[in-house]
Amino acid sequence: MQIQVTNPAEIDLAKIPLFCGVEEAAIGDSLSEWLHFYHDGQSIVLQGEPADSLIVILHGEVAILSSDTFLVTRRAPDVIGEQGFLASDSRRTATAVARGTVKVLRIPQTVVERLQNASHQFTRNLLHIVSRKLGDATSERAFRYRNENRLIAAFDSHLAPDVTARLLASGKDYGRPRIINGIVLFADVRGFTTTSLSLPPLVLAEQLGDYLDAMVKILLAHNAYVDKFIGDAVMGVWGFPFESEDQASKAFACGREMVVRAAEKTIGGNPVRIGIGLSAGRIFCGNIGSDLKRQFTVLGPAVNLAARCEGACKELDTSIVLPHEVFDRLGPLDQSQLRVHQHVPLRGIGDVRLYTVQNEDIVAQRQAGRTT
């Protein structure tokens, strides 16, 4: 919406960097024709439209957006749209939207081109403005890269680096809600509560941290997503961010290795004994919560079943328990190492057919590892 200015002389061109040192005669006497006002939310320019004018903000704030993504706020005496006069493609590269009432000078393309040809000072001023924006953009980009590197480093603690690289290369939002056909592993330390009562907190934290670090390394080596720690328990998931046909075999091999490696660790002077529960099924993966607190996690009956299977390890006198949903996905060699238990009651689930690994087989694996 254009409003004629009653007194163009009230606009002090000397205070506008774009016109600093430029002779008024070169500018002309058309200020009143260039003056525009915009209400809150009005678009001043639209991304992709022809760059038919150069815009100088005289009052107010302008939001700059690209494809509806907020980039930056511009204020008086900033210039908008200069790239259209310096690049070969004279199209707007972003959208500018008024925040509150905004007053601008909208300098027509013909005037800008005339000033570029007639006034070296105007061209220098325009280039200086572009240079300053490039410097600001470089600083902003460096800030974002630092934060992205922190986020990637944090995400690498959940996924193997090569899996993280694949996820980033895909360009997909890892936190978007999805349903996967996955495998869940739940591992817990046997007798941890009793052991923890006999140790000073710092000693307990150090020894537990050493054990958990070893377990995470094994999970990542088998391409699991390390979902969380729950005290001394750790949970891993296969199927996020990418599903694979052999994920049940990877989870089973991972569980066996965790049992062997855990026994080489000690907490309170005693070798660590763990129970592992595996399950398979459709699992929710994604961010849950609100803007105040948001967390990526996995949910579903398969998650609960893995925890219940882990709890059955003591009763069944074994270190790994899994239901038929996992058994059916294993290869013949893996299946041959398992013993079936019919009608095992699991709290909150009912009677379930479960499969266990013979502890003798795990001991043999440990001994074989020491001799190689």
Protein backbone atom coordinates (compact mmCIF):
# COMPACT_ATOMS: atom_id res chain seq x y z
CA MET A 1 0.00 0.00 0.00
CA GLN A 2 1.57 3.30 -1.10
CA ILE A 3 1.09 6.52 0.89
CA GLN A 4 2.28 9.88 -0.44
CA VAL A 5 4.69 11.57 1.92
CA THR A 6 3.77 15.15 2.75
CA ASN A 7 7.33 16.27 3.30
CA PRO A 8 9.98 14.17 1.54
CA ALA A 9 12.66 16.43 2.98
CA GLU A 10 12.04 14.77 6.35
CA ILE A 11 13.88 11.71 5.00
CA ASP A 12 17.55 12.32 5.78
CA LEU A 13 19.39 10.47 3.02
CA ALA A 14 22.74 11.13 4.71
CA LYS A 15 21.70 8.77 7.52
CA ILE A 16 20.97 5.94 5.08
CA PRO A 17 24.19 3.98 4.36
CA LEU A 18 23.08 3.16 0.80
CA PHE A 19 23.09 6.88 -0.07
CA CYS A 20 26.04 8.01 2.05
CA GLY A 21 28.29 10.23 -0.12
CA VAL A 22 25.94 10.05 -3.11
CA GLU A 23 25.03 13.45 -4.59
CA GLU A 24 21.35 14.29 -4.17
CA ALA A 25 21.22 15.39 -7.78
CA ALA A 26 22.03 11.82 -8.83
CA ILE A 27 19.22 10.49 -6.67
CA GLY A 28 16.57 12.78 -8.07
CA ASP A 29 13.40 14.16 -6.51
CA SER A 30 11.12 11.10 -6.59
CA LEU A 31 11.29 10.14 -2.90
CA SER A 32 7.56 10.58 -2.44
CA GLU A 33 6.92 8.04 -5.21
CA TRP A 34 9.24 5.52 -3.56
CA LEU A 35 7.71 5.67 -0.10
CA HIS A 36 5.56 2.69 0.94
CA PHE A 37 3.93 1.49 4.17
CA TYR A 38 3.10 -2.13 5.02
CA HIS A 39 0.89 -3.54 7.75
CA ASP A 40 1.79 -6.47 10.01
CA GLY A 41 1.93 -9.72 8.05
CA GLN A 42 1.94 -8.11 4.60
CA SER A 43 4.47 -9.43 2.10
CA ILE A 44 6.91 -6.77 0.92
CA VAL A 45 8.54 -9.09 -1.63
CA LEU A 46 7.89 -12.73 -2.55
CA GLN A 47 10.50 -15.38 -3.22
CA GLY A 48 10.82 -16.12 -6.93
CA GLU A 49 9.20 -12.93 -8.22
CA PRO A 50 11.16 -10.52 -10.48
CA ALA A 51 13.48 -8.12 -8.65
CA ASP A 52 11.90 -4.91 -9.86
CA SER A 53 13.01 -2.68 -6.98
CA LEU A 54 15.58 -2.18 -4.24
CA ILE A 55 14.07 -1.72 -0.78
CA VAL A 56 15.45 0.39 2.07
CA ILE A 57 13.81 -0.04 5.47
CA LEU A 58 13.11 3.33 7.11
CA HIS A 59 11.10 2.13 10.10
CA GLY A 60 10.03 -1.18 11.61
CA GLU A 61 11.12 -4.81 11.31
CA VAL A 62 10.97 -7.23 8.40
CA ALA A 63 11.15 -11.04 8.63
CA ILE A 64 13.11 -12.76 5.86
CA LEU A 65 11.94 -16.27 4.98
CA SER A 66 13.01 -18.91 2.47
CA SER A 67 10.44 -21.58 1.62
CA ASP A 68 8.52 -20.59 4.79
CA THR A 69 11.64 -21.08 6.94
CA PHE A 70 12.61 -18.02 8.98
CA LEU A 71 16.14 -16.81 8.22
CA VAL A 72 16.74 -13.40 9.78
CA THR A 73 15.16 -10.11 10.85
CA ARG A 74 16.03 -6.87 9.02
CA ARG A 75 15.63 -3.39 10.52
CA ALA A 76 16.21 0.24 9.50
CA PRO A 77 18.38 1.19 7.66
CA ASP A 78 18.91 -2.29 6.17
CA VAL A 79 18.53 -2.93 2.44
CA ILE A 80 16.45 -5.79 0.99
CA GLY A 81 16.65 -7.25 -2.50
CA GLU A 82 20.15 -6.19 -3.49
CA GLN A 83 21.04 -9.66 -4.79
CA GLY A 84 18.60 -9.24 -7.64
CA PHE A 85 20.76 -6.41 -8.97
CA LEU A 86 24.10 -8.18 -8.55
CA ALA A 87 23.26 -11.70 -9.73
CA SER A 88 22.52 -12.81 -13.29
CA ASP A 89 19.12 -14.19 -12.23
CA SER A 90 17.13 -11.11 -11.21
CA ARG A 91 14.63 -13.03 -9.06
CA ARG A 92 13.90 -12.64 -5.36
CA THR A 93 15.80 -15.25 -3.35
CA ALA A 94 13.61 -14.88 -0.25
CA THR A 95 10.28 -13.54 0.99
CA ALA A 96 10.10 -10.41 3.17
CA VAL A 97 7.14 -9.99 5.55
CA ALA A 98 6.32 -6.93 7.66
CA ARG A 99 6.38 -7.26 11.45
CA GLY A 100 4.11 -4.53 12.66
CA THR A 101 3.92 -1.34 10.61
CA VAL A 102 6.89 -1.00 8.27
CA LYS A 103 7.98 2.07 6.28
CA VAL A 104 10.29 1.57 3.30
CA LEU A 105 11.75 3.26 0.24
CA ARG A 106 11.02 1.11 -2.79
CA ILE A 107 13.56 2.25 -5.40
CA PRO A 108 12.58 1.19 -8.94
CA GLN A 109 14.90 -1.00 -10.99
CA THR A 110 15.50 1.73 -13.57
CA VAL A 111 16.67 4.13 -10.86
CA VAL A 112 18.97 1.56 -9.29
CA GLU A 113 20.57 0.78 -12.65
CA ARG A 114 20.99 4.51 -13.38
CA LEU A 115 22.65 5.10 -9.99
CA GLN A 116 24.97 2.12 -10.55
CA ASN A 117 26.13 3.64 -13.82
CA ALA A 118 26.24 7.27 -12.67
CA SER A 119 27.60 7.01 -9.12
CA HIS A 120 30.62 4.93 -8.13
CA GLN A 121 29.85 5.79 -4.50
CA PHE A 122 26.39 4.24 -4.75
CA THR A 123 27.90 1.04 -6.18
CA ARG A 124 30.54 0.96 -3.42
CA ASN A 125 27.83 1.44 -0.78
CA LEU A 126 25.79 -1.38 -2.28
CA LEU A 127 28.80 -3.71 -2.35
CA HIS A 128 29.66 -2.76 1.24
CA ILE A 129 26.13 -3.71 2.32
CA VAL A 130 26.42 -7.05 0.52
CA SER A 131 29.86 -7.67 2.08
CA ARG A 132 28.50 -7.01 5.58
CA LYS A 133 25.61 -9.40 5.03
CA LEU A 134 28.01 -12.08 3.77
CA GLY A 135 30.11 -11.63 6.91
CA ASP A 136 27.03 -11.96 9.09
CA ALA A 137 25.93 -15.05 7.14
CA THR A 138 29.36 -16.65 7.58
CA SER A 139 29.23 -16.09 11.35
CA GLU A 140 25.69 -17.47 11.50
CA ARG A 141 26.67 -20.48 9.40
CA ALA A 142 29.65 -21.20 11.66
CA PHE A 143 27.35 -21.01 14.70
CA ARG A 144 24.89 -23.44 13.12
CA TYR A 145 27.66 -25.81 12.08
CA ARG A 146 28.98 -25.89 15.64
CA ASN A 147 25.53 -26.72 16.94
CA GLU A 148 24.96 -29.31 14.21
CA ASN A 149 28.28 -30.94 15.09
CA ARG A 150 27.19 -31.10 18.74
CA LEU A 151 23.88 -32.67 17.72
CA ILE A 152 25.60 -35.16 15.42
CA ALA A 153 28.08 -36.05 18.16
CA ALA A 154 25.18 -36.62 20.56
CA PHE A 155 23.34 -38.72 17.96
CA ASP A 156 26.49 -40.78 17.36
CA SER A 157 26.14 -41.98 20.95
CA HIS A 158 22.89 -43.67 19.86
CA LEU A 159 23.96 -44.96 16.45
CA ALA A 160 27.11 -46.27 14.82
CA PRO A 161 28.86 -43.45 12.88
CA ASP A 162 28.26 -45.12 9.50
CA VAL A 163 24.53 -45.41 10.25
CA THR A 164 24.41 -41.76 11.32
CA ALA A 165 26.13 -40.79 8.07
CA ARG A 166 23.54 -42.74 6.05
CA LEU A 167 20.70 -41.09 7.95
CA LEU A 168 22.11 -37.58 7.41
CA ALA A 169 22.76 -38.31 3.73
CA SER A 170 19.13 -39.38 3.30
CA GLY A 171 18.00 -35.89 4.33
CA LYS A 172 15.10 -37.33 6.32
CA ASP A 173 13.95 -36.02 9.68
CA TYR A 174 15.09 -38.69 12.12
CA GLY A 175 12.62 -37.54 14.77
CA ARG A 176 9.49 -37.87 12.65
CA PRO A 177 7.04 -40.42 14.08
CA ARG A 178 7.08 -43.76 12.29
CA ILE A 179 6.17 -47.42 12.80
CA ILE A 180 8.96 -49.93 12.21
CA ASN A 181 9.02 -53.71 12.13
CA GLY A 182 11.88 -54.00 14.60
CA ILE A 183 13.71 -55.95 17.25
CA VAL A 184 14.08 -54.77 20.87
CA LEU A 185 16.81 -55.84 23.29
CA PHE A 186 16.53 -55.17 27.02
CA ALA A 187 19.53 -55.98 29.25
CA ASP A 188 19.66 -55.72 33.05
CA VAL A 189 22.32 -56.46 35.67
CA ARG A 190 21.46 -59.30 38.07
CA GLY A 191 21.53 -58.36 41.78
CA PHE A 192 22.44 -54.75 41.05
CA THR A 193 20.27 -53.28 43.81
CA THR A 194 22.01 -55.35 46.50
CA THR A 195 25.44 -54.59 45.07
CA SER A 196 24.76 -50.85 44.82
CA LEU A 197 23.99 -50.62 48.56
CA SER A 198 27.53 -51.69 49.43
CA LEU A 199 29.38 -49.16 47.26
CA PRO A 200 30.01 -45.41 47.61
CA PRO A 201 28.04 -43.50 44.93
CA LEU A 202 31.14 -42.32 43.01
CA VAL A 203 32.63 -45.81 42.91
CA LEU A 204 29.30 -47.26 41.83
CA ALA A 205 28.94 -44.67 39.07
CA GLU A 206 32.47 -45.34 37.79
CA GLN A 207 32.10 -49.12 37.70
CA LEU A 208 28.60 -49.00 36.24
CA GLY A 209 29.78 -46.50 33.63
CA ASP A 210 32.60 -48.83 32.59
CA TYR A 211 30.12 -51.70 32.15
CA LEU A 212 27.59 -49.59 30.22
CA ASP A 213 30.32 -48.21 27.97
CA ALA A 214 31.28 -51.78 26.99
CA MET A 215 27.64 -52.70 26.32
CA VAL A 216 27.04 -49.64 24.13
CA LYS A 217 30.09 -50.42 22.03
CA ILE A 218 28.77 -53.92 21.38
CA LEU A 219 25.29 -52.62 20.51
CA LEU A 220 26.69 -50.06 18.07
CA ALA A 221 28.98 -52.67 16.50
CA HIS A 222 25.86 -54.72 15.74
CA ASN A 223 24.07 -51.69 14.21
CA ALA A 224 21.58 -51.19 17.05
CA TYR A 225 20.00 -47.90 18.00
CA VAL A 226 20.86 -47.39 21.68
CA ASP A 227 17.61 -46.00 23.01
CA LYS A 228 18.26 -45.32 26.67
CA PHE A 229 19.69 -46.28 30.05
CA ILE A 230 17.25 -47.07 32.85
CA GLY A 231 19.49 -47.24 35.89
CA ASP A 232 21.70 -50.27 35.19
CA ALA A 233 19.50 -51.44 32.30
CA VAL A 234 20.17 -50.64 28.65
CA MET A 235 17.82 -50.91 25.68
CA GLY A 236 18.72 -51.31 22.02
CA VAL A 237 16.56 -51.35 18.90
CA TRP A 238 17.06 -52.76 15.40
CA GLY A 239 14.98 -51.40 12.53
CA PHE A 240 15.65 -47.70 13.15
CA PRO A 241 16.55 -45.81 11.10
CA PHE A 242 16.84 -48.61 8.53
CA GLU A 243 15.24 -52.06 8.58
CA SER A 244 17.16 -55.13 7.40
CA GLU A 245 16.34 -58.79 6.86
CA ASP A 246 19.08 -59.98 9.25
CA GLN A 247 18.28 -57.68 12.18
CA ALA A 248 17.01 -60.59 14.35
CA SER A 249 20.29 -62.44 13.84
CA LYS A 250 22.24 -59.28 14.62
CA ALA A 251 20.28 -58.77 17.84
CA PHE A 252 20.77 -62.41 18.89
CA ALA A 253 24.51 -62.27 18.22
CA CYS A 254 24.70 -58.95 20.04
CA GLY A 255 22.98 -60.40 23.12
CA ARG A 256 25.35 -63.35 23.28
CA GLU A 257 28.38 -61.08 23.01
CA MET A 258 27.00 -58.77 25.70
CA VAL A 259 26.63 -61.68 28.13
CA VAL A 260 30.22 -62.77 27.49
CA ARG A 261 31.67 -59.26 27.74
CA ALA A 262 29.67 -58.38 30.86
CA ALA A 263 31.14 -61.36 32.72
CA GLU A 264 34.59 -59.83 32.20
CA LYS A 265 33.51 -56.68 34.07
CA THR A 266 33.11 -56.33 37.82
CA ILE A 267 30.90 -54.20 40.05
CA GLY A 268 31.68 -54.32 43.76
CA GLY A 269 34.36 -56.95 43.14
CA ASN A 270 31.89 -59.43 41.61
CA PRO A 271 31.65 -60.43 37.93
CA VAL A 272 28.69 -58.81 36.20
CA ARG A 273 25.85 -61.19 35.35
CA ILE A 274 23.15 -59.88 33.07
CA GLY A 275 19.79 -61.03 31.76
CA ILE A 276 18.72 -60.16 28.23
CA GLY A 277 15.23 -60.16 26.78
CA LEU A 278 14.56 -59.92 23.04
CA SER A 279 11.29 -59.28 21.25
CA ALA A 280 10.05 -58.44 17.76
CA GLY A 281 7.09 -56.57 16.31
CA ARG A 282 5.71 -53.24 15.22
CA ILE A 283 7.27 -50.41 17.20
CA PHE A 284 6.58 -46.68 17.36
CA CYS A 285 9.72 -44.56 16.92
CA GLY A 286 9.80 -40.78 17.14
CA ASN A 287 9.79 -37.66 19.25
CA ILE A 288 7.21 -37.45 22.01
CA GLY A 289 6.46 -34.68 24.47
CA SER A 290 5.84 -30.95 24.14
CA ASP A 291 7.83 -27.83 23.30
CA LEU A 292 8.94 -27.73 26.95
CA LYS A 293 10.43 -31.23 26.86
CA ARG A 294 10.81 -33.50 23.86
CA GLN A 295 12.51 -36.89 23.65
CA PHE A 296 13.08 -39.48 20.96
CA THR A 297 11.99 -42.92 22.12
CA VAL A 298 10.39 -46.22 21.12
CA LEU A 299 7.02 -47.52 22.34
CA GLY A 300 4.77 -50.51 21.85
CA PRO A 301 3.91 -54.02 23.08
CA ALA A 302 7.20 -55.36 21.73
CA VAL A 303 9.10 -53.02 24.06
CA ASN A 304 7.14 -54.26 27.07
CA LEU A 305 7.61 -57.88 25.99
CA ALA A 306 11.40 -57.49 25.82
CA ALA A 307 11.42 -56.22 29.40
CA ARG A 308 9.21 -59.12 30.54
CA CYS A 309 11.46 -61.63 28.75
CA GLU A 310 14.47 -60.17 30.51
CA GLY A 311 12.65 -60.59 33.80
CA ALA A 312 12.09 -64.29 33.03
CA CYS A 313 15.83 -64.98 32.73
CA LYS A 314 16.20 -65.76 36.46
CA GLU A 315 13.21 -68.10 36.59
CA LEU A 316 14.36 -69.99 33.47
CA ASP A 317 17.99 -70.07 34.68
CA THR A 318 19.46 -68.50 31.57
CA SER A 319 20.94 -65.26 30.32
CA ILE A 320 18.90 -64.74 27.13
CA VAL A 321 15.14 -65.17 26.67
CA LEU A 322 13.19 -64.51 23.48
CA PRO A 323 9.63 -65.21 22.22
CA HIS A 324 8.57 -67.04 19.06
CA GLU A 325 8.34 -63.71 17.16
CA VAL A 326 12.14 -63.50 17.32
CA PHE A 327 12.72 -67.25 17.01
CA ASP A 328 10.80 -67.35 13.71
CA ARG A 329 13.09 -64.68 12.25
CA LEU A 330 16.33 -66.47 13.11
CA GLY A 331 18.24 -68.76 10.80
CA PRO A 332 18.46 -72.55 11.38
CA LEU A 333 21.89 -72.33 13.03
CA ASP A 334 20.70 -69.76 15.59
CA GLN A 335 17.47 -71.69 16.19
CA SER A 336 19.42 -74.87 16.93
CA GLN A 337 21.06 -73.14 19.92
CA LEU A 338 17.73 -72.44 21.62
CA ARG A 339 15.58 -74.46 24.00
CA VAL A 340 11.81 -74.07 23.99
CA HIS A 341 9.68 -73.45 27.11
CA GLN A 342 5.93 -73.78 26.66
CA HIS A 343 3.32 -71.70 28.50
CA VAL A 344 5.59 -69.44 30.54
CA PRO A 345 3.50 -66.86 32.45
CA LEU A 346 4.63 -63.25 31.93
CA ARG A 347 3.14 -60.51 34.11
CA GLY A 348 0.65 -58.40 32.21
CA ILE A 349 0.95 -60.54 29.07
CA GLY A 350 -0.14 -64.09 29.93
CA ASP A 351 1.27 -67.50 28.98
CA VAL A 352 3.90 -67.25 26.26
CA ARG A 353 6.13 -69.72 24.44
CA LEU A 354 9.71 -68.68 25.14
CA TYR A 355 13.13 -69.76 23.97
CA THR A 356 16.37 -69.66 25.95
CA VAL A 357 20.08 -70.01 25.27
CA GLN A 358 21.82 -72.70 27.26
CA ASN A 359 24.28 -71.06 29.62
CA GLU A 360 26.77 -73.79 28.73
CA ASP A 361 26.79 -72.50 25.15
CA ILE A 362 27.55 -68.99 26.34
CA VAL A 363 30.39 -70.26 28.54
CA ALA A 364 31.79 -72.14 25.57
CA GLN A 365 31.64 -68.95 23.50
CA ARG A 366 33.53 -67.09 26.23
CA GLN A 367 36.23 -69.78 26.40
CA ALA A 368 36.54 -69.84 22.62
CA GLY A 369 37.05 -66.09 22.63
CA ARG A 370 39.88 -66.37 25.12
CA THR A 371 41.73 -68.98 23.07
CA THR A 372 41.62 -67.05 19.80
